[in-house]
Amino acid sequence: MQFNAPINSLSLGNVSLNFVRELIKKGDLTAFFPQKNNCDLAAFDLLEESVKIGISEAYEGRFKRFDQDEPTLKVWHIDGSEESFGANRYLYTFYETDEPTLEEINLVKNNKATIFSSSEARDLFASTGLDNVHYVPLGFDQDIIKVQPKKNDDVIHFGLVGKLEKRKNTQRIIRLWLDKFGNNPKYQLTCLVNNPFFQKDIYRQVISQTVGDKHWNNINFLNTLKTNSEVNLLTRSIDIDLSGLSSGEGWNLPSFNATAVGNWSVVSNCSAHKDWATEDNAILVDVEKEKRDCYDNVFFHKGSSFNQGKFYSISDESIISGIEEAVKRAKTENKNGLKLQKDFTYSDSIDKIKQIIKGQ
């Protein structure tokens, strides 16, 4: 199989790395074409040497082995998916809104198969009449359990991970948390919400507006974490994850991973969350009946050819209620969450993708 995807420290790059690792293990990778020439392994400090060698060989030999008739798996957004290698192309992608545009429908249609990371997105595009859409879940990144954290039993440690964005309710979550726990030494919130698509001055301004003029001694903003080990250590060090309080997700790796290592996650009961979060393994927060427009004039622009429609709405009261329930469970292990490590694996993801390709 030919593989076309970005490998970098972002979530999409992490997914691509885990896909390519499984393709190498299974002996199924013939050529690797980095999306936008983006192949940076610097963040993956726990990556096996055999995988590094496999990626290098597939990259160096890509032009010698390229075959336009061989299946090419692309991991990317719908926007830009038309840029592919070969005629036998398959797209693995993510979708977060609810009104597929004609442009999106056409691009999805022009792959042999388009595979979504959520069943809701698959069903949405299937409802437009497309018959080449599928759903394959993501898996648990085994590198996360290679780090061993030390937890402070005297403090309940919250984590909020994911780029600052209106869709993710980042500012609301921080403000609500500060209203309830601000300057209380029994609680700590660590935020890894730096958005690389914002200018630094704008990002700092937004953070300043979010926390207000008051000084808070129990909230910490991390600028960046350079390696996966550092990110994984943060994931394993917290007691409660708030990254799942999003109004729309294609999967939500931070919340999924936090749940899978036995932490308690407060998760909105909508979009891709419904494929892995249950009443048994997470604190589910129900969404409102009325949705809200997705447009933020930063990542979602009204009238664009892509990403149109609405997101789910979550009330402040529901968020607070979910957080309060999480506090009650904070120092107990989420045993059902741990089961996600075996229920969702990247090996299974690749096997399902291969089965879809075989069936075309």
Protein backbone atom coordinates (compact mmCIF):
# COMPACT_ATOMS: atom_id res chain seq x y z
CA MET A 1 0.00 0.00 0.00
CA GLN A 2 1.16 3.55 -0.77
CA PHE A 3 0.71 6.02 2.08
CA ASN A 4 0.22 9.78 1.76
CA ALA A 5 -0.02 11.65 5.08
CA PRO A 6 1.65 14.24 7.32
CA ILE A 7 3.80 13.10 10.22
CA ASN A 8 4.32 15.79 12.85
CA SER A 9 3.53 16.66 16.47
CA LEU A 10 -0.10 17.61 15.76
CA SER A 11 -2.97 15.19 16.30
CA LEU A 12 -3.27 14.43 12.59
CA GLY A 13 0.45 13.72 12.47
CA ASN A 14 0.16 11.39 15.45
CA VAL A 15 -2.62 9.43 13.76
CA SER A 16 -0.55 9.17 10.57
CA LEU A 17 2.47 7.96 12.51
CA ASN A 18 0.44 5.20 14.18
CA PHE A 19 -1.06 4.18 10.83
CA VAL A 20 2.33 3.98 9.14
CA ARG A 21 3.78 2.08 12.08
CA GLU A 22 1.12 -0.61 11.71
CA LEU A 23 1.58 -0.76 7.93
CA ILE A 24 5.29 -1.37 8.48
CA LYS A 25 4.67 -4.04 11.12
CA LYS A 26 2.27 -5.84 8.81
CA GLY A 27 4.62 -5.55 5.81
CA ASP A 28 2.05 -3.54 3.87
CA LEU A 29 3.93 -0.28 3.21
CA THR A 30 5.51 0.08 -0.23
CA ALA A 31 5.93 3.85 -0.61
CA PHE A 32 5.50 6.87 1.68
CA PHE A 33 4.62 10.32 0.33
CA PRO A 34 4.59 12.94 3.12
CA GLN A 35 1.60 15.27 2.77
CA LYS A 36 2.89 18.78 2.01
CA ASN A 37 6.41 17.29 2.44
CA ASN A 38 5.66 17.18 6.16
CA CYS A 39 7.61 14.37 7.82
CA ASP A 40 9.08 15.32 11.19
CA LEU A 41 9.88 12.52 13.60
CA ALA A 42 11.51 14.81 16.17
CA ALA A 43 8.56 14.65 18.57
CA PHE A 44 8.37 10.85 18.54
CA ASP A 45 11.17 10.15 21.00
CA LEU A 46 9.84 6.68 21.88
CA LEU A 47 9.52 5.45 18.30
CA GLU A 48 11.03 2.05 17.58
CA GLU A 49 14.17 2.06 15.44
CA SER A 50 12.61 -0.49 13.09
CA VAL A 51 9.76 1.93 12.35
CA LYS A 52 12.17 4.80 11.70
CA ILE A 53 14.04 2.60 9.24
CA GLY A 54 10.80 1.47 7.59
CA ILE A 55 9.62 5.06 7.12
CA SER A 56 12.99 6.09 5.70
CA GLU A 57 13.07 3.20 3.24
CA ALA A 58 9.49 3.80 2.09
CA TYR A 59 10.26 7.50 1.61
CA GLU A 60 13.61 7.10 -0.14
CA GLY A 61 12.20 4.47 -2.48
CA ARG A 62 8.85 6.14 -3.15
CA PHE A 63 9.54 7.11 -6.77
CA LYS A 64 11.01 3.74 -7.70
CA ARG A 65 8.05 1.86 -6.23
CA PHE A 66 5.22 4.22 -7.17
CA ASP A 67 2.41 2.48 -9.04
CA GLN A 68 -0.68 4.48 -9.99
CA ASP A 69 -2.81 1.33 -9.83
CA GLU A 70 -1.73 0.33 -6.33
CA PRO A 71 -4.04 1.49 -3.50
CA THR A 72 -2.95 4.80 -1.97
CA LEU A 73 -4.24 5.66 1.49
CA LYS A 74 -4.34 9.38 2.18
CA VAL A 75 -4.85 10.81 5.68
CA TRP A 76 -6.02 14.39 5.35
CA HIS A 77 -8.93 16.80 5.41
CA ILE A 78 -11.62 16.69 2.74
CA ASP A 79 -10.31 20.09 1.65
CA GLY A 80 -7.14 19.13 -0.19
CA SER A 81 -8.00 15.47 -0.60
CA GLU A 82 -8.08 15.89 -4.38
CA GLU A 83 -4.28 16.12 -4.29
CA SER A 84 -3.49 12.44 -4.32
CA PHE A 85 -1.04 9.93 -5.75
CA GLY A 86 -2.36 7.45 -8.26
CA ALA A 87 -5.78 6.54 -9.54
CA ASN A 88 -6.61 3.94 -6.88
CA ARG A 89 -7.04 6.34 -3.97
CA TYR A 90 -8.62 6.04 -0.54
CA LEU A 91 -9.13 8.84 1.97
CA TYR A 92 -9.16 8.62 5.76
CA THR A 93 -10.58 11.85 7.10
CA PHE A 94 -12.36 13.74 9.86
CA TYR A 95 -15.55 15.80 9.82
CA GLU A 96 -17.04 17.94 12.60
CA THR A 97 -19.97 20.00 11.27
CA ASP A 98 -23.37 18.88 9.97
CA GLU A 99 -24.05 20.37 6.51
CA PRO A 100 -21.91 18.76 3.78
CA THR A 101 -21.39 21.18 0.92
CA LEU A 102 -21.59 20.23 -2.74
CA GLU A 103 -17.82 20.59 -2.93
CA GLU A 104 -17.27 18.26 0.02
CA ILE A 105 -19.72 15.70 -1.33
CA ASN A 106 -18.00 15.72 -4.72
CA LEU A 107 -14.52 15.30 -3.26
CA VAL A 108 -15.68 12.46 -1.03
CA LYS A 109 -17.38 10.80 -4.02
CA ASN A 110 -14.20 10.88 -6.09
CA ASN A 111 -12.29 8.46 -3.88
CA LYS A 112 -12.63 4.72 -4.28
CA ALA A 113 -13.68 4.90 -0.63
CA THR A 114 -13.74 7.70 1.94
CA ILE A 115 -13.30 6.47 5.47
CA PHE A 116 -14.42 8.66 8.36
CA SER A 117 -13.19 8.51 11.93
CA SER A 118 -16.75 8.76 13.27
CA SER A 119 -19.94 6.88 12.48
CA GLU A 120 -21.93 10.12 12.65
CA ALA A 121 -19.87 11.66 9.84
CA ARG A 122 -20.16 8.47 7.78
CA ASP A 123 -23.94 8.44 8.23
CA LEU A 124 -24.21 12.13 7.38
CA PHE A 125 -22.46 11.72 4.02
CA ALA A 126 -24.31 8.48 3.33
CA SER A 127 -27.56 10.43 3.73
CA THR A 128 -26.56 12.54 0.70
CA GLY A 129 -26.68 9.42 -1.48
CA LEU A 130 -23.02 8.42 -1.40
CA ASP A 131 -22.31 4.70 -1.24
CA ASN A 132 -18.51 4.81 -0.90
CA VAL A 133 -18.37 6.10 2.70
CA HIS A 134 -17.23 4.03 5.67
CA TYR A 135 -16.39 4.34 9.36
CA VAL A 136 -13.21 3.04 10.99
CA PRO A 137 -12.34 4.13 14.55
CA LEU A 138 -8.91 5.22 15.67
CA GLY A 139 -6.82 3.30 18.17
CA PHE A 140 -4.94 3.76 21.42
CA ASP A 141 -1.35 4.96 21.12
CA GLN A 142 0.71 2.40 23.03
CA ASP A 143 3.51 4.93 23.54
CA ILE A 144 1.39 6.59 26.23
CA ILE A 145 1.89 3.75 28.70
CA LYS A 146 5.67 3.85 28.28
CA VAL A 147 5.89 6.80 30.70
CA GLN A 148 5.26 6.50 34.44
CA PRO A 149 3.86 9.55 36.25
CA LYS A 150 3.83 10.44 39.92
CA LYS A 151 0.47 11.71 41.09
CA ASN A 152 -0.14 14.00 44.05
CA ASP A 153 -2.94 12.48 46.12
CA ASP A 154 -3.47 15.76 47.96
CA VAL A 155 -4.42 17.68 44.80
CA ILE A 156 -7.06 16.97 42.15
CA HIS A 157 -5.31 17.69 38.88
CA PHE A 158 -7.40 18.70 35.86
CA GLY A 159 -6.09 18.74 32.29
CA LEU A 160 -7.31 20.63 29.22
CA VAL A 161 -5.55 19.69 25.97
CA GLY A 162 -6.27 20.76 22.41
CA LYS A 163 -5.79 23.95 20.41
CA LEU A 164 -7.77 26.94 21.69
CA GLU A 165 -10.89 27.18 19.58
CA LYS A 166 -14.52 28.22 19.86
CA ARG A 167 -15.59 24.74 18.77
CA LYS A 168 -13.79 23.22 21.74
CA ASN A 169 -15.30 25.72 24.23
CA THR A 170 -11.80 26.38 25.56
CA GLN A 171 -12.46 29.82 27.03
CA ARG A 172 -15.78 28.83 28.59
CA ILE A 173 -14.28 25.78 30.27
CA ILE A 174 -11.41 27.78 31.75
CA ARG A 175 -13.70 30.54 33.03
CA LEU A 176 -16.16 28.09 34.57
CA TRP A 177 -13.32 26.19 36.22
CA LEU A 178 -11.81 29.36 37.66
CA ASP A 179 -15.20 30.48 38.98
CA LYS A 180 -15.49 27.23 40.88
CA PHE A 181 -11.91 26.32 41.85
CA GLY A 182 -9.80 29.42 41.26
CA ASN A 183 -7.07 29.94 43.90
CA ASN A 184 -8.17 26.82 45.78
CA PRO A 185 -4.94 24.85 46.40
CA LYS A 186 -6.81 21.54 46.46
CA TYR A 187 -7.35 21.82 42.69
CA GLN A 188 -4.97 22.40 39.80
CA LEU A 189 -5.65 22.97 36.10
CA THR A 190 -2.96 22.50 33.45
CA CYS A 191 -3.81 23.79 29.98
CA LEU A 192 -2.02 22.76 26.81
CA VAL A 193 -4.14 24.86 24.46
CA ASN A 194 -1.60 26.74 22.38
CA ASN A 195 -2.97 27.18 18.87
CA PRO A 196 -0.19 27.14 16.23
CA PHE A 197 -2.54 28.79 13.74
CA PHE A 198 -2.83 31.93 15.89
CA GLN A 199 -0.20 34.64 15.92
CA LYS A 200 1.55 34.60 19.30
CA ASP A 201 0.35 38.09 20.25
CA ILE A 202 -3.25 37.19 19.45
CA TYR A 203 -3.02 33.96 21.43
CA ARG A 204 -1.60 35.77 24.47
CA GLN A 205 -4.34 38.38 24.21
CA VAL A 206 -7.07 35.72 24.12
CA ILE A 207 -5.60 33.97 27.17
CA SER A 208 -5.40 37.29 29.04
CA GLN A 209 -9.05 37.99 28.24
CA THR A 210 -10.00 34.50 29.36
CA VAL A 211 -8.45 34.65 32.84
CA GLY A 212 -9.26 38.33 33.43
CA ASP A 213 -7.27 40.75 35.55
CA LYS A 214 -7.20 38.60 38.66
CA HIS A 215 -4.14 36.54 39.57
CA TRP A 216 -4.75 32.80 39.75
CA ASN A 217 -2.27 30.54 41.49
CA ASN A 218 -3.67 27.15 40.50
CA ILE A 219 -3.88 27.33 36.70
CA ASN A 220 -0.92 26.71 34.44
CA PHE A 221 -0.60 27.33 30.69
CA LEU A 222 2.01 25.30 28.84
CA ASN A 223 3.29 26.88 25.64
CA THR A 224 4.42 23.73 23.85
CA LEU A 225 5.63 20.25 24.68
CA LYS A 226 8.32 19.17 22.25
CA THR A 227 8.08 15.39 22.59
CA ASN A 228 5.39 12.77 22.81
CA SER A 229 6.87 11.65 26.11
CA GLU A 230 6.04 15.04 27.61
CA VAL A 231 2.51 15.04 26.23
CA ASN A 232 1.99 11.46 27.37
CA LEU A 233 3.30 12.29 30.84
CA LEU A 234 0.75 15.11 31.10
CA THR A 235 -2.03 12.75 29.97
CA ARG A 236 -1.10 10.21 32.63
CA SER A 237 -0.50 12.74 35.40
CA ILE A 238 -3.97 14.27 35.55
CA ASP A 239 -6.98 12.97 37.46
CA ILE A 240 -9.73 14.61 35.39
CA ASP A 241 -9.68 15.48 31.69
CA LEU A 242 -11.82 18.35 30.39
CA SER A 243 -10.77 18.11 26.74
CA GLY A 244 -13.97 16.24 25.86
CA LEU A 245 -16.25 19.22 26.56
CA SER A 246 -16.24 20.05 22.86
CA SER A 247 -19.20 20.88 20.63
CA GLY A 248 -18.00 18.74 17.75
CA GLU A 249 -15.15 16.29 17.18
CA GLY A 250 -13.84 13.93 14.55
CA TRP A 251 -12.51 11.70 17.36
CA ASN A 252 -10.82 13.72 20.15
CA LEU A 253 -7.50 12.02 20.86
CA PRO A 254 -6.69 13.91 24.11
CA SER A 255 -9.93 12.91 25.80
CA PHE A 256 -9.88 9.37 24.41
CA ASN A 257 -6.30 8.77 25.53
CA ALA A 258 -6.93 10.23 28.98
CA THR A 259 -9.91 7.93 29.42
CA ALA A 260 -8.00 4.90 28.14
CA VAL A 261 -5.25 5.29 30.75
CA GLY A 262 -7.80 5.19 33.57
CA ASN A 263 -8.49 8.88 34.17
CA TRP A 264 -11.96 10.33 34.39
CA SER A 265 -13.03 12.44 31.43
CA VAL A 266 -15.97 14.82 31.22
CA VAL A 267 -17.26 14.31 27.69
CA SER A 268 -20.03 15.89 25.64
CA ASN A 269 -22.43 13.17 24.49
CA CYS A 270 -22.24 14.03 20.79
CA SER A 271 -20.38 13.62 17.49
CA ALA A 272 -17.46 11.14 17.49
CA HIS A 273 -17.48 10.87 21.29
CA LYS A 274 -20.48 8.56 20.98
CA ASP A 275 -18.28 5.97 19.23
CA TRP A 276 -16.11 5.40 22.31
CA ALA A 277 -17.44 7.28 25.38
CA THR A 278 -20.16 5.56 27.41
CA GLU A 279 -21.83 5.96 30.79
CA ASP A 280 -19.52 3.21 32.04
CA ASN A 281 -16.20 4.78 31.05
CA ALA A 282 -16.80 8.55 31.14
CA ILE A 283 -18.91 11.31 32.66
CA LEU A 284 -21.25 12.12 29.80
CA VAL A 285 -22.67 15.62 29.44
CA ASP A 286 -25.84 15.84 27.38
CA VAL A 287 -26.08 18.50 24.70
CA GLU A 288 -28.90 20.97 24.12
CA LYS A 289 -31.68 20.38 21.60
CA GLU A 290 -30.78 23.51 19.64
CA LYS A 291 -27.43 23.58 17.86
CA ARG A 292 -25.34 26.72 17.25
CA ASP A 293 -23.62 28.05 14.13
CA CYS A 294 -20.08 26.77 13.71
CA TYR A 295 -18.68 29.99 12.28
CA ASP A 296 -15.87 31.69 14.19
CA ASN A 297 -14.24 33.67 11.35
CA VAL A 298 -10.96 31.92 12.12
CA PHE A 299 -11.33 28.27 11.15
CA PHE A 300 -14.99 28.19 10.10
CA HIS A 301 -16.14 30.87 7.65
CA LYS A 302 -19.77 31.23 6.59
CA GLY A 303 -20.22 30.77 2.86
CA SER A 304 -17.04 28.76 2.43
CA SER A 305 -16.87 25.61 0.30
CA PHE A 306 -15.97 23.61 3.43
CA ASN A 307 -16.99 23.18 7.06
CA GLN A 308 -20.47 24.66 7.02
CA GLY A 309 -23.36 24.19 9.41
CA LYS A 310 -23.74 23.88 13.14
CA PHE A 311 -22.13 22.45 16.26
CA TYR A 312 -23.80 20.99 19.30
CA SER A 313 -24.51 23.26 22.27
CA ILE A 314 -23.63 22.56 25.90
CA SER A 315 -24.98 24.60 28.80
CA ASP A 316 -22.77 26.01 31.54
CA GLU A 317 -24.86 24.17 34.10
CA SER A 318 -24.24 20.83 32.38
CA ILE A 319 -20.50 21.46 32.24
CA ILE A 320 -20.36 22.33 35.94
CA SER A 321 -22.48 19.32 36.87
CA GLY A 322 -20.17 17.02 34.91
CA ILE A 323 -17.10 18.48 36.58
CA GLU A 324 -18.66 18.04 40.03
CA GLU A 325 -19.36 14.39 39.30
CA ALA A 326 -15.80 13.90 38.09
CA VAL A 327 -14.44 15.32 41.35
CA LYS A 328 -16.31 12.60 43.26
CA ARG A 329 -14.53 9.91 41.20
CA ALA A 330 -11.18 11.67 40.77
CA LYS A 331 -9.04 9.45 42.99
CA THR A 332 -10.54 6.15 41.81
CA GLU A 333 -9.26 4.26 38.78
CA ASN A 334 -11.47 4.26 35.72
CA LYS A 335 -11.36 0.51 35.07
CA ASN A 336 -13.81 0.62 32.19
CA GLY A 337 -11.74 3.37 30.62
CA LEU A 338 -8.70 1.07 30.66
CA LYS A 339 -10.62 -1.39 28.49
CA LEU A 340 -10.44 1.10 25.59
CA GLN A 341 -6.77 0.14 25.14
CA LYS A 342 -7.83 -3.30 23.91
CA ASP A 343 -11.15 -2.33 22.34
CA PHE A 344 -9.57 0.25 20.02
CA THR A 345 -6.19 -0.54 18.46
CA TYR A 346 -4.40 0.86 15.44
CA SER A 347 -3.77 -2.69 14.30
CA ASP A 348 -7.53 -3.21 14.06
CA SER A 349 -7.93 0.17 12.34
CA ILE A 350 -5.50 -0.79 9.58
CA ASP A 351 -7.05 -4.26 9.22
CA LYS A 352 -10.49 -2.67 8.73
CA ILE A 353 -9.13 -0.20 6.20
CA LYS A 354 -7.46 -3.04 4.29
CA GLN A 355 -10.76 -4.94 4.29
CA ILE A 356 -12.55 -1.92 2.81
CA ILE A 357 -9.90 -1.63 0.09
CA LYS A 358 -10.15 -5.35 -0.63
CA GLY A 359 -13.90 -5.06 -1.04
CA GLN A 360 -13.80 -2.32 -3.66
